């Protein structure tokens, strides 16, 4: 609303604390009501808590669910080929998954929730995805150049032009690549990807204002130093949980309420196996992101330079597909849709769409994959013969 200020980080965390307390009370009430309905004995109540604790703490490594082949591996990423030997002459599609301290297999989350399968089902049979590799002591100094180079190498392997799809971090990375090498990109699709990092009222920007007063990045540099030159994945995870703690608590309490339901247990474990399995991000790359994009918003300001070359969004003139989540607190829709205002793509070739859900649902949610991605991918397929 005009004339009002966005909420401060302190106001956001206070509201989330109230919501978290409400989620706790509601979850415990659901469990207790279920226990009374089945006339649970004290021993059965104790067994519930033991089963809940085991399910909440035991993790399995996340995995890819669709057939694929690793065709090359670089220090920061490997390229996975999902084409399954297809001889189709359709233009290839390259997916850049999110990279926020989690495994890239979110784009192939399960047999029923797979972005890669949706891509192939749309007739884009030559489908590939980069698989980001967690940072180590040998890659802690990797930079934006290393990530752009691995995209270039992937496209060299696949053949250009490609349909480039980027989710979250992969989306702004795809956008930067498309602005620097527009001749290699046939269509550009981004989902939940910030382009204008200051648009809307993102909680991440509110946190940055609080943790970096006056633009001082000492806190963020301290995180990297504490990780030995990398941003540890568990620090990213803690940050995501802190943004909406009520979601985390509600998930754990609903696990307790449904601890005797095998289907609920499996759904819970499937998500937790991915969400709680973290990987590190190169410290140099992370600090570059915080400074140049989150703090200074250089991509929109037209001030971003990589390798001495200015990144100009106006060089992007290919068809655009922009997908946002109406309740996405990580990347509000305005941050995603800003690309359409700065690119040179004709308005008739810009498709904007909004799901009802939040951030992660854009990449693996049933609603997004079954009601939104098919139309976006059909538009990509129509331009890919």
Protein backbone atom coordinates (compact mmCIF):
# COMPACT_ATOMS: atom_id res chain seq x y z
CA UNK A 1 0.00 0.00 0.00
CA UNK A 2 1.33 3.44 -0.91
CA UNK A 3 2.78 5.37 1.98
CA UNK A 4 3.45 2.36 4.16
CA UNK A 5 6.76 0.72 5.02
CA UNK A 6 7.50 -2.97 4.53
CA UNK A 7 7.57 -4.94 7.79
CA UNK A 8 10.87 -5.07 9.61
CA UNK A 9 12.68 -8.35 10.21
CA UNK A 10 11.78 -8.07 13.90
CA UNK A 11 8.06 -7.70 13.06
CA UNK A 12 8.24 -10.69 10.73
CA UNK A 13 9.95 -12.90 13.31
CA UNK A 14 7.44 -11.89 16.02
CA UNK A 15 4.51 -12.82 13.77
CA UNK A 16 6.20 -16.10 12.86
CA UNK A 17 6.76 -16.86 16.54
CA UNK A 18 3.05 -16.45 17.24
CA UNK A 19 2.23 -18.66 14.24
CA UNK A 20 4.73 -21.29 15.41
CA UNK A 21 3.13 -21.42 18.86
CA UNK A 22 -0.28 -21.83 17.22
CA UNK A 23 1.03 -24.67 15.03
CA UNK A 24 2.40 -26.44 18.11
CA UNK A 25 -0.88 -26.25 20.00
CA UNK A 26 -2.91 -27.36 16.99
CA UNK A 27 -0.64 -30.30 16.22
CA UNK A 28 -0.61 -31.56 19.80
CA UNK A 29 -4.40 -31.23 19.95
CA UNK A 30 -4.75 -33.31 16.78
CA UNK A 31 -2.49 -36.03 18.22
CA UNK A 32 -4.29 -36.10 21.54
CA UNK A 33 -7.72 -36.23 19.89
CA UNK A 34 -6.57 -39.19 17.79
CA UNK A 35 -5.17 -40.94 20.85
CA UNK A 36 -8.47 -40.53 22.71
CA UNK A 37 -10.45 -41.78 19.70
CA UNK A 38 -8.46 -45.02 19.55
CA UNK A 39 -8.39 -45.33 23.35
CA UNK A 40 -4.60 -45.52 23.34
CA UNK A 41 -2.94 -47.01 26.40
CA UNK A 42 0.04 -45.32 28.11
CA UNK A 43 2.34 -47.82 26.40
CA UNK A 44 0.85 -46.96 23.00
CA UNK A 45 1.27 -43.23 23.69
CA UNK A 46 4.92 -43.82 24.53
CA UNK A 47 5.31 -45.84 21.33
CA UNK A 48 3.85 -42.92 19.36
CA UNK A 49 6.52 -40.61 20.72
CA UNK A 50 9.30 -43.10 20.05
CA UNK A 51 8.08 -43.64 16.48
CA UNK A 52 7.79 -39.88 16.00
CA UNK A 53 11.36 -39.31 17.23
CA UNK A 54 12.76 -42.02 14.97
CA UNK A 55 10.94 -40.66 11.91
CA UNK A 56 11.96 -37.06 12.70
CA UNK A 57 15.66 -37.88 13.05
CA UNK A 58 16.41 -40.75 10.64
CA UNK A 59 17.37 -39.52 7.18
CA UNK A 60 18.10 -41.24 3.88
CA UNK A 61 20.19 -39.67 1.09
CA UNK A 62 17.93 -37.97 -1.51
CA UNK A 63 17.97 -39.46 -5.00
CA UNK A 64 16.95 -38.90 -8.61
CA UNK A 65 13.90 -40.92 -9.64
CA UNK A 66 14.00 -40.87 -13.46
CA UNK A 67 16.45 -42.70 -15.70
CA UNK A 68 19.40 -40.47 -16.55
CA UNK A 69 23.06 -40.59 -17.45
CA UNK A 70 25.84 -38.37 -16.16
CA UNK A 71 27.58 -37.24 -19.34
CA UNK A 72 30.25 -35.04 -17.78
CA UNK A 73 31.36 -33.71 -14.41
CA UNK A 74 33.04 -30.39 -13.64
CA UNK A 75 34.21 -29.15 -10.22
CA UNK A 76 30.94 -27.31 -9.52
CA UNK A 77 28.35 -29.39 -11.39
CA UNK A 78 27.67 -32.52 -13.40
CA UNK A 79 25.41 -32.75 -16.46
CA UNK A 80 22.61 -35.33 -16.38
CA UNK A 81 20.98 -36.51 -19.62
CA UNK A 82 17.32 -37.54 -19.29
CA UNK A 83 16.82 -38.09 -23.04
CA UNK A 84 16.74 -41.89 -22.66
CA UNK A 85 18.24 -42.36 -26.11
CA UNK A 86 15.61 -40.24 -27.86
CA UNK A 87 16.28 -39.53 -31.53
CA UNK A 88 13.87 -36.59 -31.58
CA UNK A 89 15.00 -33.53 -33.52
CA UNK A 90 13.31 -31.18 -31.04
CA UNK A 91 15.59 -28.49 -29.61
CA UNK A 92 17.20 -29.53 -26.31
CA UNK A 93 16.07 -28.28 -22.91
CA UNK A 94 18.53 -27.56 -20.10
CA UNK A 95 17.32 -27.17 -16.50
CA UNK A 96 19.29 -25.22 -13.89
CA UNK A 97 17.92 -26.40 -10.50
CA UNK A 98 17.89 -24.33 -7.33
CA UNK A 99 21.15 -24.12 -5.42
CA UNK A 100 20.47 -23.05 -1.89
CA UNK A 101 22.25 -25.69 0.14
CA UNK A 102 20.11 -28.60 -1.07
CA UNK A 103 20.43 -31.39 -3.61
CA UNK A 104 19.48 -30.64 -7.23
CA UNK A 105 17.23 -33.71 -7.40
CA UNK A 106 14.27 -31.55 -6.36
CA UNK A 107 13.60 -31.24 -10.13
CA UNK A 108 13.07 -35.02 -10.13
CA UNK A 109 11.64 -35.22 -6.63
CA UNK A 110 9.53 -38.36 -7.05
CA UNK A 111 7.94 -40.37 -9.88
CA UNK A 112 4.71 -38.39 -9.41
CA UNK A 113 6.38 -35.01 -8.79
CA UNK A 114 9.09 -34.55 -11.40
CA UNK A 115 9.84 -31.46 -13.42
CA UNK A 116 12.05 -33.56 -15.69
CA UNK A 117 9.18 -35.95 -16.44
CA UNK A 118 6.85 -33.02 -17.11
CA UNK A 119 9.38 -31.69 -19.63
CA UNK A 120 9.57 -35.00 -21.47
CA UNK A 121 5.79 -35.44 -21.34
CA UNK A 122 5.45 -32.09 -23.13
CA UNK A 123 7.41 -33.50 -26.08
CA UNK A 124 10.72 -31.94 -25.07
CA UNK A 125 12.41 -35.33 -25.13
CA UNK A 126 15.97 -34.03 -25.27
CA UNK A 127 16.03 -33.07 -21.61
CA UNK A 128 19.09 -32.31 -19.49
CA UNK A 129 19.73 -30.95 -15.99
CA UNK A 130 22.78 -29.61 -14.25
CA UNK A 131 23.39 -31.21 -10.87
CA UNK A 132 25.17 -28.77 -8.55
CA UNK A 133 27.99 -30.30 -6.51
CA UNK A 134 28.46 -29.26 -2.89
CA UNK A 135 31.49 -27.09 -2.26
CA UNK A 136 34.66 -28.52 -0.75
CA UNK A 137 37.99 -27.04 0.28
CA UNK A 138 39.11 -27.36 -3.35
CA UNK A 139 36.11 -25.43 -4.73
CA UNK A 140 35.52 -22.91 -1.93
CA UNK A 141 36.89 -20.12 -4.15
CA UNK A 142 34.67 -20.92 -7.15
CA UNK A 143 33.13 -17.77 -8.65
CA UNK A 144 30.23 -16.75 -10.87
CA UNK A 145 32.57 -17.33 -13.81
CA UNK A 146 32.89 -21.02 -12.89
CA UNK A 147 29.11 -21.43 -12.88
CA UNK A 148 28.63 -19.63 -16.18
CA UNK A 149 31.47 -21.69 -17.67
CA UNK A 150 29.77 -24.98 -16.71
CA UNK A 151 26.55 -23.79 -18.37
CA UNK A 152 28.57 -22.96 -21.49
CA UNK A 153 30.18 -26.38 -21.41
CA UNK A 154 26.79 -28.07 -21.03
CA UNK A 155 25.39 -26.20 -24.03
CA UNK A 156 28.47 -27.04 -26.06
CA UNK A 157 27.80 -30.71 -25.27
CA UNK A 158 24.05 -30.52 -25.96
CA UNK A 159 24.14 -28.24 -28.97
CA UNK A 160 22.58 -24.80 -29.23
CA UNK A 161 20.21 -23.08 -29.14
CA UNK A 162 18.66 -24.53 -26.00
CA UNK A 163 15.46 -23.99 -24.06
CA UNK A 164 16.84 -22.75 -20.76
CA UNK A 165 14.81 -23.39 -17.60
CA UNK A 166 15.97 -22.00 -14.26
CA UNK A 167 14.46 -22.50 -10.81
CA UNK A 168 15.18 -20.02 -7.99
CA UNK A 169 18.98 -19.48 -7.98
CA UNK A 170 19.13 -21.40 -11.24
CA UNK A 171 16.69 -18.86 -12.66
CA UNK A 172 18.73 -15.73 -12.08
CA UNK A 173 21.80 -17.65 -13.23
CA UNK A 174 19.96 -18.64 -16.43
CA UNK A 175 18.90 -15.00 -16.86
CA UNK A 176 22.48 -13.76 -16.55
CA UNK A 177 23.66 -16.39 -19.03
CA UNK A 178 20.90 -15.48 -21.51
CA UNK A 179 21.79 -11.78 -21.25
CA UNK A 180 25.44 -12.50 -22.00
CA UNK A 181 24.93 -15.17 -24.68
CA UNK A 182 21.44 -14.59 -26.16
CA UNK A 183 22.36 -16.39 -29.39
CA UNK A 184 22.55 -19.69 -27.47
CA UNK A 185 19.06 -19.43 -25.92
CA UNK A 186 15.86 -20.32 -27.80
CA UNK A 187 13.44 -19.75 -24.91
CA UNK A 188 13.95 -18.75 -21.28
CA UNK A 189 11.72 -20.02 -18.47
CA UNK A 190 12.25 -19.04 -14.84
CA UNK A 191 10.31 -20.15 -11.76
CA UNK A 192 10.55 -18.53 -8.34
CA UNK A 193 13.70 -16.75 -9.52
CA UNK A 194 14.52 -13.25 -8.28
CA UNK A 195 15.53 -10.81 -11.00
CA UNK A 196 14.61 -7.60 -9.17
CA UNK A 197 15.88 -8.59 -5.73
CA UNK A 198 14.26 -5.59 -4.01
CA UNK A 199 10.74 -5.85 -5.46
CA UNK A 200 7.79 -6.80 -3.29
CA UNK A 201 8.41 -7.36 0.41
CA UNK A 202 10.82 -10.33 0.51
CA UNK A 203 11.74 -11.56 3.97
CA UNK A 204 15.28 -12.29 2.78
CA UNK A 205 15.82 -8.61 2.00
CA UNK A 206 14.34 -7.66 5.38
CA UNK A 207 16.79 -10.03 7.04
CA UNK A 208 19.71 -8.58 5.08
CA UNK A 209 18.80 -5.05 6.21
CA UNK A 210 18.88 -6.25 9.82
CA UNK A 211 21.99 -8.42 9.58
CA UNK A 212 23.99 -6.03 7.39
CA UNK A 213 23.31 -2.55 8.83
CA UNK A 214 24.53 0.14 6.49
CA UNK A 215 25.42 -2.54 3.94
CA UNK A 216 28.18 -4.00 6.13
CA UNK A 217 28.53 -7.69 5.19
CA UNK A 218 30.63 -8.68 8.24
CA UNK A 219 27.95 -11.12 9.42
CA UNK A 220 27.91 -12.96 6.09
CA UNK A 221 31.71 -12.98 5.83
CA UNK A 222 31.76 -14.43 9.34
CA UNK A 223 29.47 -17.28 8.27
CA UNK A 224 31.83 -18.13 5.42
CA UNK A 225 34.90 -17.90 7.64
CA UNK A 226 33.26 -20.18 10.20
CA UNK A 227 32.72 -22.73 7.42
CA UNK A 228 36.37 -22.70 6.40
CA UNK A 229 35.68 -20.71 3.24
CA UNK A 230 32.28 -22.18 2.37
CA UNK A 231 28.72 -21.43 3.42
CA UNK A 232 27.68 -24.63 5.15
CA UNK A 233 24.37 -26.06 4.04
CA UNK A 234 23.04 -26.32 7.57
CA UNK A 235 23.37 -22.55 7.91
CA UNK A 236 21.20 -22.10 4.82
CA UNK A 237 18.71 -24.63 6.18
CA UNK A 238 18.51 -22.80 9.51
CA UNK A 239 17.84 -19.57 7.65
CA UNK A 240 14.98 -21.08 5.64
CA UNK A 241 13.41 -22.55 8.78
CA UNK A 242 13.75 -19.20 10.58
CA UNK A 243 11.84 -17.46 7.78
CA UNK A 244 8.71 -19.54 8.49
CA UNK A 245 9.23 -21.54 11.69
CA UNK A 246 5.52 -22.33 11.91
CA UNK A 247 5.84 -24.46 8.76
CA UNK A 248 8.60 -26.54 10.35
CA UNK A 249 6.76 -26.98 13.63
CA UNK A 250 3.45 -27.77 11.91
CA UNK A 251 5.18 -30.46 9.83
CA UNK A 252 6.67 -32.10 12.93
CA UNK A 253 3.43 -31.92 14.89
CA UNK A 254 1.41 -33.33 12.00
CA UNK A 255 3.93 -36.16 11.87
CA UNK A 256 3.09 -36.89 15.51
CA UNK A 257 -0.64 -36.74 14.80
CA UNK A 258 -0.25 -39.16 11.88
CA UNK A 259 2.58 -41.28 13.21
CA UNK A 260 0.55 -44.48 12.70
CA UNK A 261 -0.32 -43.69 9.05
CA UNK A 262 2.26 -45.37 6.76
CA UNK A 263 1.36 -43.16 3.77
CA UNK A 264 1.85 -39.97 5.80
CA UNK A 265 5.14 -41.28 7.18
CA UNK A 266 6.49 -41.96 3.70
CA UNK A 267 5.46 -38.52 2.41
CA UNK A 268 7.10 -36.92 5.43
CA UNK A 269 10.32 -38.91 5.02
CA UNK A 270 10.46 -38.21 1.29
CA UNK A 271 10.43 -34.45 1.88
CA UNK A 272 12.70 -34.47 4.93
CA UNK A 273 15.26 -36.65 3.14
CA UNK A 274 15.61 -33.87 0.56
CA UNK A 275 15.09 -30.81 2.81
CA UNK A 276 17.41 -31.82 5.64
CA UNK A 277 20.20 -33.20 3.41
CA UNK A 278 22.39 -30.14 2.90
CA UNK A 279 25.46 -29.25 0.88
CA UNK A 280 27.86 -26.34 1.06
CA UNK A 281 28.10 -23.37 -1.32
CA UNK A 282 31.46 -21.84 -2.34
CA UNK A 283 32.15 -18.90 -0.06
CA UNK A 284 33.38 -16.58 -2.81
CA UNK A 285 30.29 -17.27 -4.92
CA UNK A 286 27.93 -16.80 -1.97
CA UNK A 287 29.42 -13.47 -0.91
CA UNK A 288 29.27 -12.26 -4.53
CA UNK A 289 25.55 -13.08 -4.59
CA UNK A 290 24.85 -11.31 -1.29
CA UNK A 291 26.77 -8.19 -2.28
CA UNK A 292 26.01 -7.77 -5.97
CA UNK A 293 22.46 -9.12 -6.14
CA UNK A 294 20.73 -9.12 -2.75
CA UNK A 295 22.32 -5.95 -1.38
CA UNK A 296 23.04 -3.81 -4.43
CA UNK A 297 20.47 -5.23 -6.90
CA UNK A 298 23.00 -4.68 -9.69
CA UNK A 299 21.21 -6.88 -12.23
CA UNK A 300 18.23 -4.50 -12.35
CA UNK A 301 20.36 -1.38 -11.88
CA UNK A 302 22.33 -2.28 -15.02
CA UNK A 303 25.58 -2.14 -13.06
CA UNK A 304 26.44 -5.85 -12.95
CA UNK A 305 29.74 -6.70 -14.65
CA UNK A 306 31.20 -10.17 -15.10
CA UNK A 307 34.63 -10.58 -16.63
CA UNK A 308 34.59 -6.90 -17.55
CA UNK A 309 31.35 -7.38 -19.53
CA UNK A 310 28.19 -5.55 -18.47
CA UNK A 311 25.16 -7.79 -18.08
CA UNK A 312 22.34 -6.11 -20.02
CA UNK A 313 18.87 -7.62 -19.61
CA UNK A 314 17.79 -5.76 -22.73
CA UNK A 315 19.85 -8.21 -24.81
CA UNK A 316 17.32 -10.92 -23.97
CA UNK A 317 14.74 -11.03 -26.75
CA UNK A 318 13.65 -14.69 -26.79
CA UNK A 319 10.22 -15.93 -25.64
CA UNK A 320 9.88 -15.76 -21.85
CA UNK A 321 7.88 -17.92 -19.44
CA UNK A 322 7.71 -16.54 -15.91
CA UNK A 323 6.22 -18.62 -13.08
CA UNK A 324 5.69 -17.33 -9.53
CA UNK A 325 3.93 -18.48 -6.37
CA UNK A 326 1.20 -16.29 -4.88
CA UNK A 327 2.32 -17.16 -1.33
CA UNK A 328 6.06 -17.32 -2.06
CA UNK A 329 7.79 -15.43 0.77
CA UNK A 330 11.25 -16.26 -0.55
CA UNK A 331 10.73 -14.77 -4.03
CA UNK A 332 7.56 -12.67 -4.33
CA UNK A 333 5.96 -12.63 -7.81
CA UNK A 334 7.11 -9.06 -8.54
CA UNK A 335 10.74 -10.23 -8.33
CA UNK A 336 10.12 -12.86 -11.01
CA UNK A 337 7.89 -10.85 -13.33
CA UNK A 338 10.38 -7.94 -13.42
CA UNK A 339 12.30 -9.78 -16.14
CA UNK A 340 9.47 -9.12 -18.57
CA UNK A 341 9.84 -5.37 -17.97
CA UNK A 342 13.58 -5.25 -18.64
CA UNK A 343 14.02 -7.78 -21.46
CA UNK A 344 13.46 -6.81 -25.09
CA UNK A 345 11.08 -9.72 -25.69
CA UNK A 346 7.81 -8.58 -27.35
CA UNK A 347 4.93 -8.55 -24.88
CA UNK A 348 3.06 -11.14 -26.92
CA UNK A 349 5.86 -13.61 -26.28
CA UNK A 350 5.94 -13.18 -22.50
CA UNK A 351 3.85 -15.65 -20.52
CA UNK A 352 3.30 -14.85 -16.83
CA UNK A 353 1.65 -17.38 -14.52
CA UNK A 354 1.04 -17.62 -10.78
CA UNK A 355 0.38 -20.73 -8.70
CA UNK A 356 -1.55 -20.69 -5.43
CA UNK A 357 1.38 -22.10 -3.49
CA UNK A 358 4.73 -21.08 -2.11
CA UNK A 359 8.35 -21.38 -3.14
CA UNK A 360 9.24 -25.07 -3.15
CA UNK A 361 5.88 -26.01 -4.62
CA UNK A 362 6.87 -24.25 -7.85
CA UNK A 363 9.43 -26.99 -8.53
CA UNK A 364 7.86 -30.12 -7.03
CA UNK A 365 4.25 -29.36 -6.02
CA UNK A 366 1.32 -31.24 -7.57
CA UNK A 367 -0.53 -28.02 -8.43
CA UNK A 368 2.41 -26.44 -10.26
CA UNK A 369 3.46 -29.62 -12.09
CA UNK A 370 -0.04 -30.62 -13.21
CA UNK A 371 -1.84 -27.28 -13.65
CA UNK A 372 0.85 -24.75 -14.62
CA UNK A 373 4.01 -26.31 -16.03
CA UNK A 374 2.20 -28.18 -18.86
CA UNK A 375 1.01 -24.91 -20.44
CA UNK A 376 4.42 -23.27 -20.08
CA UNK A 377 6.18 -26.29 -21.54
CA UNK A 378 3.65 -26.54 -24.39
CA UNK A 379 4.59 -22.95 -25.32
CA UNK A 380 8.27 -23.95 -25.26
CA UNK A 381 7.58 -27.04 -27.38
CA UNK A 382 5.70 -24.99 -29.97
CA UNK A 383 8.88 -22.97 -30.54
CA UNK A 384 11.29 -25.90 -30.51
CA UNK A 385 10.88 -27.76 -33.81
